[in-house]
């Protein structure tokens, strides 16, 4: 199994997550942008992402609920800013209600996800930036590193199918 590398850059309010997958770039891209595939790996087990709507294009939106084993959950919205298929995209993610209205209960994270051909596989470099250090620290305190690493492990399993 490939390992997830996470670098914290507090002064610049940035987390950088790097992971290599033994799959071609188009297959990895599809797993990040097709809601039917994304739901299979996004989030730490036993939680699952359940998509209400996704319009994966510049100016589009992904609205989903992170759902726990007892049906409890948290709605999230991802505003998609730029799309350069299959090389990358940028977005902003935060908590919302079931209609996509931001709740203000969780800081926004700004995502830049890059897909880079690496030999016969693909390296994914995810950079998250935050408006202030406290926002970044809140995400880390919620278990982002372990949870996102678990999700990426699930993505690796999905790509191997």
N, C-alpha and C. Protein backbone atom coordinates (compact mmCIF):
# COMPACT_ATOMS: atom_id res chain seq x y z
N UNK A 1 0.85 -1.19 0.00
CA UNK A 1 0.00 0.00 0.00
C UNK A 1 0.89 1.24 0.00
N UNK A 2 0.50 2.22 -0.77
CA UNK A 2 1.20 3.50 -0.78
C UNK A 2 0.84 4.27 0.48
N UNK A 3 1.74 5.13 0.90
CA UNK A 3 1.48 5.89 2.12
C UNK A 3 1.07 7.32 1.79
N UNK A 4 0.32 7.89 2.70
CA UNK A 4 -0.11 9.27 2.58
C UNK A 4 0.89 10.15 3.31
N UNK A 5 1.38 11.16 2.64
CA UNK A 5 2.31 12.11 3.25
C UNK A 5 1.55 13.41 3.50
N UNK A 6 1.59 13.88 4.74
CA UNK A 6 0.90 15.12 5.10
C UNK A 6 1.91 16.08 5.70
N UNK A 7 2.00 17.27 5.11
CA UNK A 7 2.90 18.32 5.61
C UNK A 7 2.05 19.48 6.10
N UNK A 8 2.38 19.96 7.31
CA UNK A 8 1.70 21.13 7.88
C UNK A 8 2.61 22.34 7.75
N UNK A 9 2.06 23.42 7.26
CA UNK A 9 2.78 24.68 7.13
C UNK A 9 1.94 25.74 7.84
N UNK A 10 2.12 25.84 9.17
CA UNK A 10 1.31 26.76 9.97
C UNK A 10 1.43 28.22 9.54
N UNK A 11 2.64 28.74 9.32
CA UNK A 11 2.72 30.17 8.95
C UNK A 11 1.91 30.52 7.69
N UNK A 12 1.81 29.56 6.77
CA UNK A 12 1.08 29.81 5.53
C UNK A 12 -0.32 29.22 5.55
N UNK A 13 -0.75 28.68 6.71
CA UNK A 13 -2.10 28.14 6.91
C UNK A 13 -2.40 27.08 5.84
N UNK A 14 -1.47 26.13 5.70
CA UNK A 14 -1.56 25.18 4.58
C UNK A 14 -1.26 23.76 5.03
N UNK A 15 -2.06 22.83 4.51
CA UNK A 15 -1.80 21.39 4.63
C UNK A 15 -1.58 20.87 3.22
N UNK A 16 -0.54 20.06 3.05
CA UNK A 16 -0.29 19.44 1.75
C UNK A 16 -0.31 17.93 1.94
N UNK A 17 -1.18 17.28 1.17
CA UNK A 17 -1.34 15.83 1.25
C UNK A 17 -0.93 15.25 -0.09
N UNK A 18 0.02 14.30 -0.06
CA UNK A 18 0.50 13.67 -1.28
C UNK A 18 0.29 12.16 -1.18
N UNK A 19 -0.23 11.59 -2.25
CA UNK A 19 -0.46 10.14 -2.27
C UNK A 19 -0.30 9.65 -3.71
N UNK A 20 0.39 8.53 -3.88
CA UNK A 20 0.57 7.92 -5.20
C UNK A 20 -0.36 6.72 -5.31
N UNK A 21 -0.97 6.57 -6.48
CA UNK A 21 -1.87 5.46 -6.75
C UNK A 21 -1.36 4.69 -7.96
N UNK A 22 -1.52 3.37 -7.93
CA UNK A 22 -1.11 2.50 -9.04
C UNK A 22 -2.25 2.40 -10.03
N UNK A 23 -2.61 3.53 -10.62
CA UNK A 23 -3.71 3.59 -11.58
C UNK A 23 -3.46 4.76 -12.52
N UNK A 24 -3.96 4.67 -13.74
CA UNK A 24 -3.77 5.77 -14.69
C UNK A 24 -4.54 7.02 -14.26
N UNK A 25 -4.07 8.16 -14.73
CA UNK A 25 -4.62 9.45 -14.32
C UNK A 25 -6.13 9.56 -14.55
N UNK A 26 -6.63 9.08 -15.69
CA UNK A 26 -8.06 9.20 -15.97
C UNK A 26 -8.91 8.42 -14.97
N UNK A 27 -8.42 7.27 -14.55
CA UNK A 27 -9.16 6.46 -13.59
C UNK A 27 -9.19 7.14 -12.22
N UNK A 28 -8.07 7.74 -11.82
CA UNK A 28 -8.01 8.45 -10.54
C UNK A 28 -8.90 9.70 -10.61
N UNK A 29 -8.82 10.42 -11.71
CA UNK A 29 -9.66 11.61 -11.91
C UNK A 29 -11.15 11.25 -11.77
N UNK A 30 -11.55 10.18 -12.43
CA UNK A 30 -12.95 9.78 -12.37
C UNK A 30 -13.39 9.44 -10.95
N UNK A 31 -12.50 8.83 -10.17
CA UNK A 31 -12.84 8.47 -8.80
C UNK A 31 -13.05 9.70 -7.92
N UNK A 32 -12.45 10.82 -8.30
CA UNK A 32 -12.61 12.08 -7.56
C UNK A 32 -13.79 12.90 -8.06
N UNK A 33 -14.27 12.65 -9.27
CA UNK A 33 -15.24 13.56 -9.88
C UNK A 33 -16.57 12.92 -10.25
N UNK A 34 -16.67 11.61 -10.18
CA UNK A 34 -17.93 10.90 -10.45
C UNK A 34 -18.55 10.57 -9.09
N UNK A 35 -19.73 11.13 -8.77
CA UNK A 35 -20.29 10.92 -7.44
C UNK A 35 -20.52 9.46 -7.08
N UNK A 36 -20.83 8.61 -8.04
CA UNK A 36 -21.04 7.19 -7.75
C UNK A 36 -19.75 6.54 -7.25
N UNK A 37 -18.61 6.98 -7.78
CA UNK A 37 -17.31 6.46 -7.33
C UNK A 37 -16.84 7.18 -6.07
N UNK A 38 -17.02 8.48 -6.02
CA UNK A 38 -16.58 9.29 -4.88
C UNK A 38 -17.24 8.81 -3.59
N UNK A 39 -18.49 8.44 -3.65
CA UNK A 39 -19.21 7.97 -2.47
C UNK A 39 -18.63 6.68 -1.91
N UNK A 40 -17.91 5.92 -2.74
CA UNK A 40 -17.35 4.64 -2.29
C UNK A 40 -16.09 4.81 -1.44
N UNK A 41 -15.47 6.00 -1.48
CA UNK A 41 -14.22 6.15 -0.74
C UNK A 41 -14.13 7.42 0.09
N UNK A 42 -14.94 8.41 -0.17
CA UNK A 42 -14.81 9.70 0.51
C UNK A 42 -15.26 9.57 1.97
N UNK A 43 -14.36 9.82 2.87
CA UNK A 43 -14.69 9.78 4.30
C UNK A 43 -14.25 8.49 4.95
N UNK A 44 -14.03 8.55 6.26
CA UNK A 44 -13.56 7.37 6.99
C UNK A 44 -14.70 6.41 7.32
N UNK A 45 -14.45 5.11 7.11
CA UNK A 45 -15.44 4.11 7.50
C UNK A 45 -15.67 4.19 8.99
N UNK A 46 -16.87 4.01 9.49
CA UNK A 46 -18.07 3.54 8.79
C UNK A 46 -18.90 4.67 8.19
N UNK A 47 -18.38 5.88 8.15
CA UNK A 47 -19.09 7.01 7.56
C UNK A 47 -19.06 6.91 6.03
N UNK A 48 -20.10 7.40 5.40
CA UNK A 48 -20.16 7.42 3.94
C UNK A 48 -20.66 8.78 3.47
N UNK A 49 -20.23 9.16 2.29
CA UNK A 49 -20.72 10.38 1.66
C UNK A 49 -21.92 10.01 0.80
N UNK A 50 -23.02 10.71 1.00
CA UNK A 50 -24.22 10.49 0.20
C UNK A 50 -24.50 11.79 -0.56
N UNK A 51 -24.37 11.72 -1.88
CA UNK A 51 -24.52 12.90 -2.71
C UNK A 51 -25.99 13.25 -2.92
N UNK A 52 -26.32 14.52 -2.68
CA UNK A 52 -27.65 15.03 -3.02
C UNK A 52 -27.60 15.57 -4.45
N UNK A 53 -26.52 16.30 -4.77
CA UNK A 53 -26.36 16.81 -6.12
C UNK A 53 -24.88 17.10 -6.38
N UNK A 54 -24.50 16.95 -7.65
CA UNK A 54 -23.14 17.32 -8.06
C UNK A 54 -23.19 17.83 -9.48
N UNK A 55 -22.58 19.00 -9.66
CA UNK A 55 -22.40 19.59 -10.97
C UNK A 55 -20.91 19.93 -11.05
N UNK A 56 -20.11 18.94 -11.50
CA UNK A 56 -18.66 19.09 -11.46
C UNK A 56 -18.17 19.88 -12.66
N UNK A 57 -18.22 21.20 -12.50
CA UNK A 57 -17.71 22.13 -13.51
C UNK A 57 -17.36 23.42 -12.79
N UNK A 58 -16.60 24.29 -13.45
CA UNK A 58 -16.29 25.59 -12.86
C UNK A 58 -17.60 26.29 -12.55
N UNK A 59 -17.74 26.75 -11.31
CA UNK A 59 -18.98 27.38 -10.87
C UNK A 59 -20.01 26.39 -10.36
N UNK A 60 -19.68 25.09 -10.39
CA UNK A 60 -20.61 24.05 -9.96
C UNK A 60 -20.53 23.80 -8.46
N UNK A 61 -21.31 22.83 -8.02
CA UNK A 61 -21.45 22.55 -6.60
C UNK A 61 -21.63 21.05 -6.37
N UNK A 62 -20.98 20.54 -5.33
CA UNK A 62 -21.24 19.18 -4.84
C UNK A 62 -21.85 19.34 -3.46
N UNK A 63 -23.06 18.85 -3.29
CA UNK A 63 -23.76 18.88 -2.01
C UNK A 63 -23.93 17.44 -1.55
N UNK A 64 -23.39 17.15 -0.35
CA UNK A 64 -23.45 15.78 0.15
C UNK A 64 -23.59 15.77 1.66
N UNK A 65 -23.95 14.60 2.17
CA UNK A 65 -24.07 14.42 3.61
C UNK A 65 -23.11 13.32 4.03
N UNK A 66 -22.25 13.63 5.00
CA UNK A 66 -21.43 12.60 5.62
C UNK A 66 -22.36 11.89 6.60
N UNK A 67 -22.62 10.62 6.33
CA UNK A 67 -23.62 9.87 7.07
C UNK A 67 -22.97 8.77 7.89
N UNK A 68 -23.29 8.76 9.18
CA UNK A 68 -22.75 7.77 10.08
C UNK A 68 -23.57 6.50 10.07
N UNK A 69 -23.12 5.48 10.79
CA UNK A 69 -23.78 4.18 10.77
C UNK A 69 -25.21 4.21 11.35
N UNK A 70 -25.52 5.20 12.17
CA UNK A 70 -26.86 5.30 12.75
C UNK A 70 -27.72 6.32 12.02
N UNK A 71 -27.24 6.79 10.84
CA UNK A 71 -28.01 7.74 10.06
C UNK A 71 -27.73 9.19 10.41
N UNK A 72 -26.98 9.41 11.51
CA UNK A 72 -26.62 10.79 11.87
C UNK A 72 -25.68 11.33 10.80
N UNK A 73 -25.55 12.64 10.74
CA UNK A 73 -24.66 13.15 9.72
C UNK A 73 -24.51 14.64 9.70
N UNK A 74 -23.71 15.09 8.75
CA UNK A 74 -23.40 16.50 8.57
C UNK A 74 -23.40 16.81 7.08
N UNK A 75 -24.18 17.81 6.70
CA UNK A 75 -24.20 18.25 5.31
C UNK A 75 -22.95 19.08 5.01
N UNK A 76 -22.45 18.94 3.80
CA UNK A 76 -21.28 19.68 3.34
C UNK A 76 -21.53 20.18 1.93
N UNK A 77 -20.94 21.31 1.63
CA UNK A 77 -21.00 21.82 0.26
C UNK A 77 -19.59 22.08 -0.22
N UNK A 78 -19.36 21.76 -1.48
CA UNK A 78 -18.08 22.00 -2.12
C UNK A 78 -18.36 22.87 -3.35
N UNK A 79 -17.88 24.10 -3.30
CA UNK A 79 -18.01 25.01 -4.44
C UNK A 79 -16.81 24.79 -5.35
N UNK A 80 -17.08 24.42 -6.59
CA UNK A 80 -16.01 24.12 -7.53
C UNK A 80 -15.67 25.39 -8.31
N UNK A 81 -14.41 25.78 -8.23
CA UNK A 81 -13.98 27.04 -8.86
C UNK A 81 -13.40 26.84 -10.24
N UNK A 82 -12.44 25.92 -10.36
CA UNK A 82 -11.80 25.68 -11.65
C UNK A 82 -11.72 24.17 -11.89
N UNK A 83 -11.79 23.78 -13.15
CA UNK A 83 -11.65 22.38 -13.54
C UNK A 83 -10.74 22.31 -14.75
N UNK A 84 -9.69 21.50 -14.65
CA UNK A 84 -8.76 21.27 -15.74
C UNK A 84 -8.58 19.75 -15.86
N UNK A 85 -9.59 19.10 -16.44
CA UNK A 85 -9.59 17.63 -16.51
C UNK A 85 -8.49 17.13 -17.44
N UNK A 86 -7.75 16.10 -17.06
CA UNK A 86 -7.73 15.36 -15.80
C UNK A 86 -6.61 15.82 -14.88
N UNK A 87 -6.19 17.08 -15.02
CA UNK A 87 -5.00 17.56 -14.31
C UNK A 87 -5.28 18.13 -12.92
N UNK A 88 -6.49 18.63 -12.69
CA UNK A 88 -6.76 19.18 -11.38
C UNK A 88 -8.00 20.03 -11.32
N UNK A 89 -8.28 20.47 -10.09
CA UNK A 89 -9.40 21.37 -9.85
C UNK A 89 -9.15 22.12 -8.56
N UNK A 90 -9.90 23.22 -8.39
CA UNK A 90 -9.87 23.96 -7.13
C UNK A 90 -11.30 24.08 -6.63
N UNK A 91 -11.42 24.13 -5.30
CA UNK A 91 -12.75 24.21 -4.69
C UNK A 91 -12.64 24.78 -3.28
N UNK A 92 -13.79 25.09 -2.72
CA UNK A 92 -13.90 25.51 -1.33
C UNK A 92 -14.95 24.65 -0.68
N UNK A 93 -14.63 24.10 0.51
CA UNK A 93 -15.54 23.19 1.19
C UNK A 93 -15.88 23.73 2.58
N UNK A 94 -17.14 23.52 2.98
CA UNK A 94 -17.59 23.92 4.31
C UNK A 94 -18.86 23.17 4.67
N UNK A 95 -19.30 23.30 5.91
CA UNK A 95 -20.56 22.70 6.35
C UNK A 95 -21.72 23.54 5.85
N UNK A 96 -22.83 22.86 5.61
CA UNK A 96 -24.04 23.54 5.14
C UNK A 96 -25.25 22.81 5.69
N UNK A 97 -26.43 23.32 5.32
CA UNK A 97 -27.64 22.56 5.61
C UNK A 97 -27.98 21.73 4.39
N UNK A 98 -29.10 21.00 4.43
CA UNK A 98 -29.45 20.10 3.33
C UNK A 98 -29.76 20.82 2.03
N UNK A 99 -29.91 22.15 2.08
CA UNK A 99 -30.15 22.95 0.88
C UNK A 99 -28.88 23.64 0.38
N UNK A 100 -27.75 23.36 1.03
CA UNK A 100 -26.49 23.95 0.60
C UNK A 100 -26.23 25.33 1.18
N UNK A 101 -27.06 25.78 2.12
CA UNK A 101 -26.84 27.08 2.76
C UNK A 101 -25.75 26.91 3.81
N UNK A 102 -24.68 27.70 3.70
CA UNK A 102 -23.57 27.60 4.65
C UNK A 102 -24.07 27.88 6.07
N UNK A 103 -23.62 27.05 7.01
CA UNK A 103 -24.06 27.19 8.40
C UNK A 103 -23.15 28.10 9.22
N UNK A 104 -21.92 28.30 8.78
CA UNK A 104 -20.99 29.11 9.54
C UNK A 104 -20.45 28.39 10.77
N UNK A 105 -20.74 27.09 10.89
CA UNK A 105 -20.28 26.33 12.05
C UNK A 105 -18.93 25.68 11.83
N UNK A 106 -18.41 25.81 10.64
CA UNK A 106 -17.11 25.20 10.34
C UNK A 106 -16.39 26.08 9.33
N UNK A 107 -15.09 26.30 9.51
CA UNK A 107 -14.35 27.17 8.59
C UNK A 107 -14.25 26.59 7.19
N UNK A 108 -14.15 27.49 6.24
CA UNK A 108 -13.96 27.07 4.86
C UNK A 108 -12.53 26.61 4.64
N UNK A 109 -12.41 25.53 3.89
CA UNK A 109 -11.10 25.05 3.45
C UNK A 109 -11.02 25.21 1.95
N UNK A 110 -9.92 25.76 1.48
CA UNK A 110 -9.72 25.99 0.04
C UNK A 110 -8.82 24.88 -0.49
N UNK A 111 -9.35 24.09 -1.42
CA UNK A 111 -8.67 22.90 -1.94
C UNK A 111 -8.11 23.15 -3.33
N UNK A 112 -6.88 22.69 -3.53
CA UNK A 112 -6.28 22.61 -4.87
C UNK A 112 -5.82 21.17 -5.01
N UNK A 113 -6.43 20.45 -5.94
CA UNK A 113 -6.13 19.03 -6.13
C UNK A 113 -5.50 18.87 -7.52
N UNK A 114 -4.28 18.31 -7.53
CA UNK A 114 -3.55 18.12 -8.77
C UNK A 114 -3.30 16.63 -8.99
N UNK A 115 -3.47 16.20 -10.24
CA UNK A 115 -3.26 14.81 -10.65
C UNK A 115 -2.07 14.81 -11.60
N UNK A 116 -1.02 14.06 -11.23
CA UNK A 116 0.22 14.09 -11.99
C UNK A 116 0.61 12.66 -12.36
N UNK A 117 0.80 12.41 -13.66
CA UNK A 117 1.26 11.10 -14.10
C UNK A 117 2.62 10.84 -13.48
N UNK A 118 2.76 9.66 -12.86
CA UNK A 118 3.98 9.30 -12.14
C UNK A 118 4.32 7.86 -12.52
N UNK A 119 5.16 7.71 -13.56
CA UNK A 119 5.47 6.37 -14.07
C UNK A 119 4.19 5.75 -14.61
N UNK A 120 3.85 4.55 -14.11
CA UNK A 120 2.63 3.89 -14.56
C UNK A 120 1.46 4.19 -13.62
N UNK A 121 1.63 5.16 -12.75
CA UNK A 121 0.57 5.51 -11.79
C UNK A 121 0.28 7.00 -11.80
N UNK A 122 -0.35 7.44 -10.75
CA UNK A 122 -0.75 8.84 -10.63
C UNK A 122 -0.46 9.33 -9.21
N UNK A 123 0.16 10.48 -9.12
CA UNK A 123 0.37 11.14 -7.83
C UNK A 123 -0.68 12.23 -7.68
N UNK A 124 -1.34 12.23 -6.54
CA UNK A 124 -2.33 13.26 -6.25
C UNK A 124 -1.75 14.16 -5.17
N UNK A 125 -1.67 15.44 -5.49
CA UNK A 125 -1.19 16.44 -4.54
C UNK A 125 -2.36 17.34 -4.18
N UNK A 126 -2.76 17.29 -2.92
CA UNK A 126 -3.89 18.06 -2.44
C UNK A 126 -3.36 19.12 -1.48
N UNK A 127 -3.63 20.37 -1.79
CA UNK A 127 -3.21 21.48 -0.94
C UNK A 127 -4.46 22.15 -0.39
N UNK A 128 -4.54 22.21 0.94
CA UNK A 128 -5.65 22.88 1.60
C UNK A 128 -5.10 24.14 2.26
N UNK A 129 -5.73 25.25 2.00
CA UNK A 129 -5.35 26.49 2.67
C UNK A 129 -6.56 27.03 3.41
N UNK A 130 -6.27 27.83 4.43
CA UNK A 130 -7.31 28.33 5.31
C UNK A 130 -7.15 29.83 5.51
N UNK A 131 -8.23 30.48 5.89
CA UNK A 131 -8.19 31.93 6.07
C UNK A 131 -7.37 32.32 7.29
N UNK A 132 -7.32 31.46 8.31
CA UNK A 132 -6.44 31.73 9.45
C UNK A 132 -6.00 30.41 10.09
N UNK A 133 -4.97 30.50 10.92
CA UNK A 133 -4.38 29.30 11.53
C UNK A 133 -5.40 28.56 12.38
N UNK A 134 -6.26 29.28 13.10
CA UNK A 134 -7.26 28.63 13.96
C UNK A 134 -8.18 27.73 13.14
N UNK A 135 -8.50 28.15 11.91
CA UNK A 135 -9.36 27.33 11.04
C UNK A 135 -8.66 26.01 10.70
N UNK A 136 -7.38 26.10 10.38
CA UNK A 136 -6.60 24.90 10.06
C UNK A 136 -6.49 24.00 11.28
N UNK A 137 -6.22 24.59 12.43
CA UNK A 137 -6.09 23.80 13.65
C UNK A 137 -7.41 23.11 14.02
N UNK A 138 -8.54 23.74 13.73
CA UNK A 138 -9.85 23.13 14.00
C UNK A 138 -10.03 21.88 13.15
N UNK A 139 -9.67 21.94 11.88
CA UNK A 139 -9.80 20.78 11.01
C UNK A 139 -8.89 19.64 11.47
N UNK A 140 -7.66 19.98 11.83
CA UNK A 140 -6.72 18.96 12.31
C UNK A 140 -7.25 18.33 13.61
N UNK A 141 -7.79 19.15 14.51
CA UNK A 141 -8.32 18.65 15.79
C UNK A 141 -9.50 17.70 15.59
N UNK A 142 -10.24 17.88 14.50
CA UNK A 142 -11.38 17.01 14.20
C UNK A 142 -10.94 15.66 13.63
N UNK A 143 -9.64 15.46 13.43
CA UNK A 143 -9.15 14.18 12.94
C UNK A 143 -8.97 14.11 11.45
N UNK A 144 -8.77 15.27 10.81
CA UNK A 144 -8.63 15.30 9.35
C UNK A 144 -7.55 14.35 8.85
N UNK A 145 -6.38 14.37 9.48
CA UNK A 145 -5.26 13.58 8.96
C UNK A 145 -5.59 12.10 8.91
N UNK A 146 -6.08 11.55 10.00
CA UNK A 146 -6.44 10.13 10.03
C UNK A 146 -7.61 9.81 9.13
N UNK A 147 -8.62 10.68 9.14
CA UNK A 147 -9.81 10.44 8.33
C UNK A 147 -9.54 10.51 6.84
N UNK A 148 -8.77 11.53 6.41
CA UNK A 148 -8.48 11.67 4.98
C UNK A 148 -7.56 10.54 4.53
N UNK A 149 -6.59 10.16 5.38
CA UNK A 149 -5.71 9.04 5.03
C UNK A 149 -6.53 7.76 4.86
N UNK A 150 -7.51 7.55 5.75
CA UNK A 150 -8.36 6.37 5.64
C UNK A 150 -9.15 6.39 4.33
N UNK A 151 -9.68 7.56 3.98
CA UNK A 151 -10.39 7.69 2.72
C UNK A 151 -9.49 7.38 1.53
N UNK A 152 -8.26 7.88 1.56
CA UNK A 152 -7.33 7.61 0.46
C UNK A 152 -6.96 6.14 0.39
N UNK A 153 -6.90 5.46 1.53
CA UNK A 153 -6.69 4.00 1.52
C UNK A 153 -7.86 3.31 0.82
N UNK A 154 -9.07 3.77 1.10
CA UNK A 154 -10.27 3.21 0.46
C UNK A 154 -10.25 3.49 -1.04
N UNK A 155 -9.75 4.67 -1.42
CA UNK A 155 -9.62 5.00 -2.85
C UNK A 155 -8.64 4.04 -3.51
N UNK A 156 -7.54 3.75 -2.84
CA UNK A 156 -6.57 2.81 -3.41
C UNK A 156 -7.22 1.44 -3.63
N UNK A 157 -8.02 0.98 -2.67
CA UNK A 157 -8.73 -0.30 -2.83
C UNK A 157 -9.70 -0.25 -4.01
N UNK A 158 -10.42 0.85 -4.15
CA UNK A 158 -11.37 1.01 -5.25
C UNK A 158 -10.65 0.99 -6.60
N UNK A 159 -9.53 1.68 -6.68
CA UNK A 159 -8.77 1.74 -7.94
C UNK A 159 -8.19 0.39 -8.33
N UNK A 160 -7.97 -0.48 -7.35
CA UNK A 160 -7.41 -1.81 -7.62
C UNK A 160 -8.46 -2.78 -8.16
N UNK A 161 -9.74 -2.43 -8.04
CA UNK A 161 -10.81 -3.33 -8.51
C UNK A 161 -10.84 -3.43 -10.02
